[in-house]
N, C-alpha and C. Protein backbone atom coordinates (compact mmCIF):
# COMPACT_ATOMS: atom_id res chain seq x y z
N MET A 1 -15.71 8.81 9.02
CA MET A 1 -14.29 8.68 9.20
C MET A 1 -14.00 8.43 10.68
N ASN A 2 -13.13 7.47 10.98
CA ASN A 2 -12.77 7.17 12.36
C ASN A 2 -11.84 8.24 12.90
N LYS A 3 -11.98 8.51 14.17
CA LYS A 3 -11.09 9.45 14.85
C LYS A 3 -9.76 8.77 15.10
N LEU A 4 -8.67 9.51 14.93
CA LEU A 4 -7.36 8.97 15.23
C LEU A 4 -7.13 8.95 16.73
N SER A 5 -6.34 7.99 17.17
CA SER A 5 -6.00 7.92 18.58
C SER A 5 -5.04 9.04 18.95
N ALA A 6 -4.94 9.34 20.22
CA ALA A 6 -4.01 10.37 20.69
C ALA A 6 -2.58 9.99 20.32
N SER A 7 -2.29 8.71 20.37
CA SER A 7 -0.95 8.24 20.01
C SER A 7 -0.65 8.50 18.54
N ALA A 8 -1.62 8.24 17.67
CA ALA A 8 -1.42 8.48 16.23
C ALA A 8 -1.24 9.97 15.96
N ILE A 9 -2.03 10.80 16.61
CA ILE A 9 -1.91 12.25 16.42
C ILE A 9 -0.55 12.73 16.92
N SER A 10 -0.10 12.21 18.04
CA SER A 10 1.22 12.57 18.57
C SER A 10 2.33 12.17 17.61
N THR A 11 2.21 10.97 17.02
CA THR A 11 3.20 10.50 16.05
C THR A 11 3.25 11.44 14.85
N ILE A 12 2.08 11.82 14.34
CA ILE A 12 2.03 12.74 13.19
C ILE A 12 2.66 14.08 13.56
N ASP A 13 2.32 14.60 14.75
CA ASP A 13 2.89 15.89 15.19
C ASP A 13 4.41 15.83 15.27
N GLU A 14 4.96 14.73 15.79
CA GLU A 14 6.41 14.58 15.90
C GLU A 14 7.06 14.57 14.52
N ILE A 15 6.47 13.87 13.59
CA ILE A 15 7.02 13.79 12.22
C ILE A 15 7.00 15.17 11.58
N VAL A 16 5.90 15.88 11.69
CA VAL A 16 5.80 17.22 11.09
C VAL A 16 6.82 18.15 11.73
N LYS A 17 6.92 18.13 13.04
CA LYS A 17 7.87 19.01 13.75
C LYS A 17 9.32 18.73 13.31
N LYS A 18 9.65 17.46 13.12
CA LYS A 18 11.02 17.08 12.74
C LYS A 18 11.40 17.65 11.37
N HIS A 19 10.44 17.75 10.46
CA HIS A 19 10.74 18.19 9.09
C HIS A 19 10.37 19.64 8.82
N GLN A 20 9.70 20.28 9.76
CA GLN A 20 9.22 21.65 9.56
C GLN A 20 10.38 22.59 9.27
N GLY A 21 10.17 23.46 8.27
CA GLY A 21 11.17 24.45 7.92
C GLY A 21 12.22 23.96 6.94
N LYS A 22 12.20 22.68 6.62
CA LYS A 22 13.15 22.13 5.64
C LYS A 22 12.54 22.23 4.25
N ARG A 23 13.38 22.15 3.24
CA ARG A 23 12.90 22.21 1.86
C ARG A 23 12.36 20.84 1.44
N GLY A 24 11.21 20.87 0.77
CA GLY A 24 10.64 19.66 0.18
C GLY A 24 10.33 18.54 1.14
N PRO A 25 9.73 18.83 2.31
CA PRO A 25 9.52 17.78 3.30
C PRO A 25 8.26 16.94 3.12
N VAL A 26 7.37 17.34 2.22
CA VAL A 26 6.06 16.69 2.15
C VAL A 26 6.18 15.19 1.93
N LYS A 27 6.93 14.77 0.93
CA LYS A 27 7.05 13.33 0.66
C LYS A 27 7.71 12.59 1.81
N LEU A 28 8.71 13.21 2.42
CA LEU A 28 9.38 12.57 3.56
C LEU A 28 8.39 12.36 4.71
N MET A 29 7.60 13.38 4.98
CA MET A 29 6.61 13.26 6.05
C MET A 29 5.58 12.19 5.73
N LEU A 30 5.12 12.17 4.48
CA LEU A 30 4.13 11.17 4.09
C LEU A 30 4.68 9.76 4.25
N HIS A 31 5.93 9.56 3.83
CA HIS A 31 6.55 8.24 3.98
C HIS A 31 6.61 7.84 5.46
N GLU A 32 7.02 8.78 6.29
CA GLU A 32 7.14 8.46 7.71
C GLU A 32 5.78 8.18 8.35
N VAL A 33 4.78 8.97 8.02
CA VAL A 33 3.44 8.73 8.57
C VAL A 33 2.95 7.36 8.14
N GLN A 34 3.11 7.04 6.87
CA GLN A 34 2.63 5.73 6.40
C GLN A 34 3.41 4.60 7.07
N HIS A 35 4.70 4.79 7.27
CA HIS A 35 5.51 3.76 7.93
C HIS A 35 5.03 3.54 9.37
N GLU A 36 4.72 4.63 10.05
CA GLU A 36 4.32 4.54 11.45
C GLU A 36 2.88 4.07 11.63
N LEU A 37 1.97 4.56 10.78
CA LEU A 37 0.54 4.25 10.96
C LEU A 37 0.03 3.16 10.02
N GLY A 38 0.76 2.92 8.95
CA GLY A 38 0.32 1.93 7.97
C GLY A 38 -0.50 2.53 6.84
N TYR A 39 -0.86 3.80 6.96
CA TYR A 39 -1.62 4.51 5.94
C TYR A 39 -1.52 6.00 6.25
N ILE A 40 -2.12 6.83 5.39
CA ILE A 40 -2.07 8.27 5.59
C ILE A 40 -3.50 8.79 5.75
N PRO A 41 -3.90 9.03 7.00
CA PRO A 41 -5.25 9.57 7.22
C PRO A 41 -5.32 11.04 6.81
N PHE A 42 -6.52 11.52 6.56
CA PHE A 42 -6.71 12.90 6.12
C PHE A 42 -6.17 13.89 7.15
N GLU A 43 -6.32 13.56 8.44
CA GLU A 43 -5.81 14.43 9.49
C GLU A 43 -4.30 14.65 9.35
N ALA A 44 -3.58 13.61 8.93
CA ALA A 44 -2.14 13.73 8.72
C ALA A 44 -1.86 14.67 7.56
N MET A 45 -2.66 14.58 6.51
CA MET A 45 -2.47 15.48 5.36
C MET A 45 -2.67 16.93 5.79
N GLU A 46 -3.65 17.17 6.64
CA GLU A 46 -3.89 18.54 7.12
C GLU A 46 -2.71 19.06 7.93
N LYS A 47 -2.19 18.23 8.81
CA LYS A 47 -1.05 18.64 9.64
C LYS A 47 0.21 18.84 8.81
N ILE A 48 0.43 17.98 7.84
CA ILE A 48 1.59 18.11 6.95
C ILE A 48 1.47 19.39 6.13
N ALA A 49 0.29 19.67 5.63
CA ALA A 49 0.08 20.89 4.85
C ALA A 49 0.39 22.12 5.70
N GLU A 50 -0.13 22.14 6.91
CA GLU A 50 0.09 23.28 7.80
C GLU A 50 1.58 23.43 8.13
N GLY A 51 2.24 22.31 8.44
CA GLY A 51 3.65 22.35 8.81
C GLY A 51 4.57 22.66 7.65
N SER A 52 4.10 22.47 6.42
CA SER A 52 4.92 22.71 5.23
C SER A 52 4.55 23.99 4.50
N ASN A 53 3.53 24.68 5.01
CA ASN A 53 3.04 25.91 4.37
C ASN A 53 2.60 25.68 2.93
N VAL A 54 1.91 24.55 2.72
CA VAL A 54 1.31 24.26 1.42
C VAL A 54 -0.16 23.94 1.66
N SER A 55 -0.93 23.87 0.59
CA SER A 55 -2.36 23.57 0.75
C SER A 55 -2.58 22.07 0.97
N VAL A 56 -3.69 21.77 1.60
CA VAL A 56 -4.09 20.37 1.79
C VAL A 56 -4.26 19.72 0.42
N ALA A 57 -4.76 20.47 -0.53
CA ALA A 57 -4.95 19.93 -1.89
C ALA A 57 -3.62 19.48 -2.49
N GLU A 58 -2.56 20.24 -2.24
CA GLU A 58 -1.24 19.86 -2.77
C GLU A 58 -0.75 18.57 -2.12
N VAL A 59 -0.92 18.45 -0.82
CA VAL A 59 -0.51 17.23 -0.12
C VAL A 59 -1.35 16.05 -0.61
N TYR A 60 -2.65 16.26 -0.73
CA TYR A 60 -3.54 15.21 -1.23
C TYR A 60 -3.13 14.79 -2.65
N GLY A 61 -2.74 15.76 -3.45
CA GLY A 61 -2.28 15.48 -4.82
C GLY A 61 -1.07 14.57 -4.82
N VAL A 62 -0.15 14.79 -3.90
CA VAL A 62 1.04 13.92 -3.79
C VAL A 62 0.61 12.52 -3.37
N VAL A 63 -0.26 12.44 -2.37
CA VAL A 63 -0.72 11.13 -1.87
C VAL A 63 -1.39 10.33 -2.98
N THR A 64 -2.24 10.98 -3.75
CA THR A 64 -2.98 10.24 -4.77
C THR A 64 -2.18 10.01 -6.05
N PHE A 65 -1.10 10.77 -6.25
CA PHE A 65 -0.27 10.58 -7.44
C PHE A 65 0.62 9.35 -7.30
N TYR A 66 1.23 9.17 -6.15
CA TYR A 66 2.16 8.07 -5.93
C TYR A 66 1.42 6.84 -5.41
N THR A 67 1.59 5.73 -6.12
CA THR A 67 0.85 4.52 -5.76
C THR A 67 1.33 3.88 -4.46
N GLN A 68 2.51 4.24 -3.98
CA GLN A 68 2.98 3.63 -2.73
C GLN A 68 2.24 4.16 -1.51
N PHE A 69 1.53 5.29 -1.67
CA PHE A 69 0.78 5.86 -0.56
C PHE A 69 -0.64 5.32 -0.57
N THR A 70 -1.18 5.13 0.62
CA THR A 70 -2.55 4.67 0.75
C THR A 70 -3.27 5.49 1.82
N THR A 71 -4.54 5.75 1.58
CA THR A 71 -5.34 6.51 2.54
C THR A 71 -6.23 5.59 3.38
N GLN A 72 -6.10 4.29 3.18
CA GLN A 72 -6.88 3.32 3.93
C GLN A 72 -5.95 2.36 4.66
N PRO A 73 -6.30 1.97 5.87
CA PRO A 73 -5.47 0.98 6.58
C PRO A 73 -5.38 -0.31 5.76
N LYS A 74 -4.22 -0.91 5.78
CA LYS A 74 -4.00 -2.16 5.06
C LYS A 74 -4.03 -3.33 6.03
N GLY A 75 -4.15 -4.52 5.48
CA GLY A 75 -4.12 -5.74 6.28
C GLY A 75 -2.72 -6.02 6.79
N LYS A 76 -2.62 -7.04 7.61
CA LYS A 76 -1.33 -7.44 8.17
C LYS A 76 -0.35 -7.82 7.05
N HIS A 77 -0.88 -8.42 5.99
CA HIS A 77 -0.07 -8.82 4.84
C HIS A 77 -0.62 -8.13 3.59
N VAL A 78 0.28 -7.55 2.81
CA VAL A 78 -0.13 -6.84 1.60
C VAL A 78 0.33 -7.63 0.38
N ILE A 79 -0.63 -7.92 -0.50
CA ILE A 79 -0.36 -8.67 -1.73
C ILE A 79 -0.52 -7.73 -2.91
N ASN A 80 0.53 -7.59 -3.70
CA ASN A 80 0.49 -6.80 -4.92
C ASN A 80 0.60 -7.74 -6.11
N VAL A 81 -0.40 -7.74 -6.96
CA VAL A 81 -0.39 -8.57 -8.16
C VAL A 81 -0.13 -7.67 -9.36
N CYS A 82 0.93 -7.96 -10.08
CA CYS A 82 1.28 -7.16 -11.25
C CYS A 82 0.35 -7.51 -12.41
N LEU A 83 -0.25 -6.46 -12.98
CA LEU A 83 -1.10 -6.65 -14.15
C LEU A 83 -0.51 -5.92 -15.36
N GLY A 84 0.82 -5.68 -15.32
CA GLY A 84 1.50 -5.11 -16.48
C GLY A 84 1.39 -6.07 -17.64
N THR A 85 1.76 -5.62 -18.80
CA THR A 85 1.56 -6.40 -20.03
C THR A 85 2.15 -7.81 -19.95
N ALA A 86 3.42 -7.94 -19.58
CA ALA A 86 4.06 -9.26 -19.54
C ALA A 86 3.35 -10.19 -18.56
N CYS A 87 3.03 -9.67 -17.38
CA CYS A 87 2.36 -10.49 -16.38
C CYS A 87 0.94 -10.85 -16.81
N TYR A 88 0.25 -9.87 -17.36
CA TYR A 88 -1.13 -10.11 -17.79
C TYR A 88 -1.19 -11.19 -18.86
N VAL A 89 -0.29 -11.09 -19.84
CA VAL A 89 -0.27 -12.07 -20.94
C VAL A 89 0.03 -13.47 -20.42
N LYS A 90 0.78 -13.55 -19.33
CA LYS A 90 1.16 -14.86 -18.79
C LYS A 90 0.24 -15.34 -17.66
N GLY A 91 -0.94 -14.70 -17.51
CA GLY A 91 -1.94 -15.25 -16.61
C GLY A 91 -2.14 -14.54 -15.28
N ALA A 92 -1.66 -13.33 -15.14
CA ALA A 92 -1.79 -12.62 -13.86
C ALA A 92 -3.24 -12.39 -13.45
N GLN A 93 -4.14 -12.17 -14.41
CA GLN A 93 -5.54 -11.94 -14.05
C GLN A 93 -6.13 -13.17 -13.38
N GLU A 94 -5.80 -14.35 -13.88
CA GLU A 94 -6.30 -15.59 -13.28
C GLU A 94 -5.74 -15.76 -11.86
N ILE A 95 -4.48 -15.37 -11.68
CA ILE A 95 -3.85 -15.45 -10.35
C ILE A 95 -4.55 -14.49 -9.40
N LEU A 96 -4.79 -13.27 -9.86
CA LEU A 96 -5.49 -12.28 -9.05
C LEU A 96 -6.89 -12.77 -8.67
N ASP A 97 -7.61 -13.31 -9.64
CA ASP A 97 -8.95 -13.84 -9.38
C ASP A 97 -8.92 -14.96 -8.34
N LYS A 98 -7.92 -15.83 -8.42
CA LYS A 98 -7.79 -16.95 -7.49
C LYS A 98 -7.49 -16.45 -6.08
N ILE A 99 -6.61 -15.44 -5.96
CA ILE A 99 -6.30 -14.87 -4.65
C ILE A 99 -7.56 -14.25 -4.04
N CYS A 100 -8.28 -13.50 -4.84
CA CYS A 100 -9.52 -12.88 -4.36
C CYS A 100 -10.53 -13.94 -3.91
N GLU A 101 -10.64 -15.00 -4.67
CA GLU A 101 -11.56 -16.09 -4.32
C GLU A 101 -11.14 -16.75 -3.01
N LYS A 102 -9.85 -17.06 -2.89
CA LYS A 102 -9.34 -17.74 -1.70
C LYS A 102 -9.54 -16.91 -0.44
N LEU A 103 -9.36 -15.59 -0.56
CA LEU A 103 -9.44 -14.71 0.60
C LEU A 103 -10.82 -14.08 0.77
N ASN A 104 -11.71 -14.39 -0.18
CA ASN A 104 -13.06 -13.81 -0.16
C ASN A 104 -12.97 -12.28 -0.01
N CYS A 105 -12.20 -11.70 -0.90
CA CYS A 105 -11.90 -10.27 -0.81
C CYS A 105 -11.76 -9.70 -2.22
N LYS A 106 -12.17 -8.46 -2.40
CA LYS A 106 -12.06 -7.80 -3.69
C LYS A 106 -10.72 -7.10 -3.84
N VAL A 107 -10.38 -6.77 -5.07
CA VAL A 107 -9.15 -6.04 -5.36
C VAL A 107 -9.23 -4.66 -4.70
N ASN A 108 -8.09 -4.21 -4.18
CA ASN A 108 -7.95 -2.93 -3.49
C ASN A 108 -8.77 -2.85 -2.20
N GLU A 109 -8.99 -4.02 -1.60
CA GLU A 109 -9.69 -4.08 -0.32
C GLU A 109 -8.90 -4.96 0.63
N THR A 110 -9.38 -5.01 1.86
CA THR A 110 -8.75 -5.84 2.90
C THR A 110 -9.73 -6.93 3.30
N SER A 111 -9.20 -8.13 3.52
CA SER A 111 -10.04 -9.25 3.91
C SER A 111 -10.75 -8.96 5.23
N ALA A 112 -11.88 -9.61 5.45
CA ALA A 112 -12.72 -9.36 6.63
C ALA A 112 -11.95 -9.59 7.94
N ASP A 113 -11.01 -10.54 7.94
CA ASP A 113 -10.23 -10.82 9.15
C ASP A 113 -9.06 -9.86 9.35
N GLY A 114 -8.86 -8.95 8.38
CA GLY A 114 -7.77 -7.98 8.49
C GLY A 114 -6.40 -8.54 8.19
N GLU A 115 -6.34 -9.77 7.75
CA GLU A 115 -5.04 -10.41 7.47
C GLU A 115 -4.40 -9.93 6.16
N PHE A 116 -5.20 -9.82 5.10
CA PHE A 116 -4.64 -9.54 3.78
C PHE A 116 -5.29 -8.34 3.09
N SER A 117 -4.47 -7.56 2.43
CA SER A 117 -4.95 -6.53 1.50
C SER A 117 -4.47 -6.95 0.12
N ILE A 118 -5.33 -6.82 -0.87
CA ILE A 118 -5.00 -7.22 -2.23
C ILE A 118 -5.01 -5.97 -3.12
N ASP A 119 -3.89 -5.73 -3.77
CA ASP A 119 -3.78 -4.59 -4.67
C ASP A 119 -3.32 -5.06 -6.04
N ALA A 120 -3.92 -4.49 -7.07
CA ALA A 120 -3.48 -4.73 -8.44
C ALA A 120 -2.56 -3.57 -8.81
N THR A 121 -1.39 -3.88 -9.36
CA THR A 121 -0.44 -2.85 -9.76
C THR A 121 -0.17 -2.97 -11.25
N ARG A 122 0.43 -1.96 -11.80
CA ARG A 122 0.69 -1.97 -13.24
C ARG A 122 2.00 -2.63 -13.61
N CYS A 123 3.11 -2.25 -13.08
CA CYS A 123 4.37 -2.92 -13.42
C CYS A 123 5.28 -2.90 -12.21
N LEU A 124 5.77 -4.05 -11.86
CA LEU A 124 6.68 -4.16 -10.72
C LEU A 124 8.13 -4.24 -11.17
N GLY A 125 8.35 -4.17 -12.48
CA GLY A 125 9.71 -4.16 -13.00
C GLY A 125 10.40 -5.51 -12.98
N ALA A 126 9.64 -6.57 -12.94
CA ALA A 126 10.22 -7.92 -12.95
C ALA A 126 9.62 -8.73 -14.09
N CYS A 127 9.57 -8.13 -15.25
CA CYS A 127 8.89 -8.73 -16.40
C CYS A 127 9.46 -10.10 -16.78
N GLY A 128 10.74 -10.30 -16.55
CA GLY A 128 11.37 -11.59 -16.87
C GLY A 128 10.88 -12.71 -15.98
N LEU A 129 10.24 -12.37 -14.88
CA LEU A 129 9.71 -13.37 -13.94
C LEU A 129 8.20 -13.51 -14.03
N ALA A 130 7.61 -12.91 -15.04
CA ALA A 130 6.14 -12.86 -15.17
C ALA A 130 5.52 -14.25 -15.16
N PRO A 131 4.33 -14.35 -14.55
CA PRO A 131 3.62 -13.36 -13.77
C PRO A 131 4.19 -13.24 -12.36
N VAL A 132 4.11 -12.03 -11.80
CA VAL A 132 4.74 -11.71 -10.52
C VAL A 132 3.70 -11.25 -9.50
N VAL A 133 3.89 -11.72 -8.26
CA VAL A 133 3.12 -11.27 -7.11
C VAL A 133 4.13 -10.92 -6.03
N VAL A 134 3.91 -9.79 -5.36
CA VAL A 134 4.77 -9.39 -4.24
C VAL A 134 3.92 -9.47 -2.98
N VAL A 135 4.40 -10.25 -2.01
CA VAL A 135 3.71 -10.39 -0.73
C VAL A 135 4.64 -9.87 0.36
N ASP A 136 4.22 -8.81 1.02
CA ASP A 136 5.01 -8.20 2.10
C ASP A 136 6.44 -7.91 1.66
N GLY A 137 6.58 -7.47 0.42
CA GLY A 137 7.89 -7.10 -0.09
C GLY A 137 8.69 -8.23 -0.70
N THR A 138 8.20 -9.46 -0.61
CA THR A 138 8.90 -10.61 -1.19
C THR A 138 8.32 -10.90 -2.57
N VAL A 139 9.19 -10.96 -3.57
CA VAL A 139 8.78 -11.19 -4.95
C VAL A 139 8.62 -12.68 -5.21
N HIS A 140 7.48 -13.04 -5.79
CA HIS A 140 7.21 -14.42 -6.20
C HIS A 140 6.98 -14.38 -7.70
N GLY A 141 7.86 -15.03 -8.46
CA GLY A 141 7.77 -14.96 -9.91
C GLY A 141 7.49 -16.30 -10.55
N SER A 142 7.21 -16.24 -11.86
CA SER A 142 6.89 -17.42 -12.66
C SER A 142 5.77 -18.23 -12.02
N LEU A 143 4.75 -17.52 -11.56
CA LEU A 143 3.67 -18.15 -10.81
C LEU A 143 2.64 -18.85 -11.70
N THR A 144 1.99 -19.81 -11.06
CA THR A 144 0.82 -20.44 -11.64
C THR A 144 -0.28 -20.36 -10.59
N VAL A 145 -1.50 -20.57 -11.00
CA VAL A 145 -2.64 -20.55 -10.07
C VAL A 145 -2.45 -21.60 -8.99
N ASP A 146 -1.84 -22.73 -9.32
CA ASP A 146 -1.64 -23.82 -8.36
C ASP A 146 -0.69 -23.44 -7.21
N MET A 147 0.09 -22.38 -7.38
CA MET A 147 1.06 -21.98 -6.36
C MET A 147 0.47 -21.03 -5.32
N ILE A 148 -0.72 -20.55 -5.53
CA ILE A 148 -1.32 -19.52 -4.67
C ILE A 148 -1.50 -19.99 -3.24
N ASP A 149 -2.00 -21.20 -3.04
CA ASP A 149 -2.22 -21.70 -1.67
C ASP A 149 -0.93 -21.66 -0.86
N ASP A 150 0.17 -22.14 -1.44
CA ASP A 150 1.45 -22.16 -0.72
C ASP A 150 1.92 -20.76 -0.37
N ILE A 151 1.72 -19.80 -1.28
CA ILE A 151 2.15 -18.43 -1.03
C ILE A 151 1.34 -17.83 0.12
N LEU A 152 0.05 -18.06 0.14
CA LEU A 152 -0.80 -17.53 1.21
C LEU A 152 -0.46 -18.15 2.56
N VAL A 153 -0.20 -19.45 2.57
CA VAL A 153 0.17 -20.13 3.81
C VAL A 153 1.51 -19.61 4.31
N SER A 154 2.49 -19.44 3.42
CA SER A 154 3.81 -18.95 3.86
C SER A 154 3.75 -17.51 4.35
N ALA A 155 2.83 -16.73 3.84
CA ALA A 155 2.69 -15.34 4.30
C ALA A 155 2.23 -15.30 5.74
N LYS A 156 1.37 -16.22 6.12
CA LYS A 156 0.84 -16.25 7.49
C LYS A 156 1.83 -16.82 8.48
N ALA A 157 2.81 -17.57 7.98
CA ALA A 157 3.78 -18.24 8.88
C ALA A 157 4.73 -17.28 9.55
């Protein structure tokens, strides 16, 4: 495991201090840490647990239960491919495979250049637009494999 920088530790300490003593702060702290650092390192979970008077296991349980949290740094651009039923039936697996091929990267990993992270999700709630891919928060619907190159190029722009 890599050591966190002094700046990252200071950021985590400030977030914990801001929420300490309040009711139900764990999720708020986790959101803020992820927003600031891009992920939630184990050291942050330990500090949040201590500041919230809960066990590290409880904080870890929250992190692993909610899919929006990640314990690994993500790439500059995050691609979420919906594999829910509607998207899957309309070709989402082929789209996911094409993205992985183009970026030479596996699902739930980050490309070697650090530009892209590829995640498979279950349902993004846009079934009427199936198949759907979300890139950096922008929804791309009614996709075909032929549209992948343009989406990747526009993400880098």
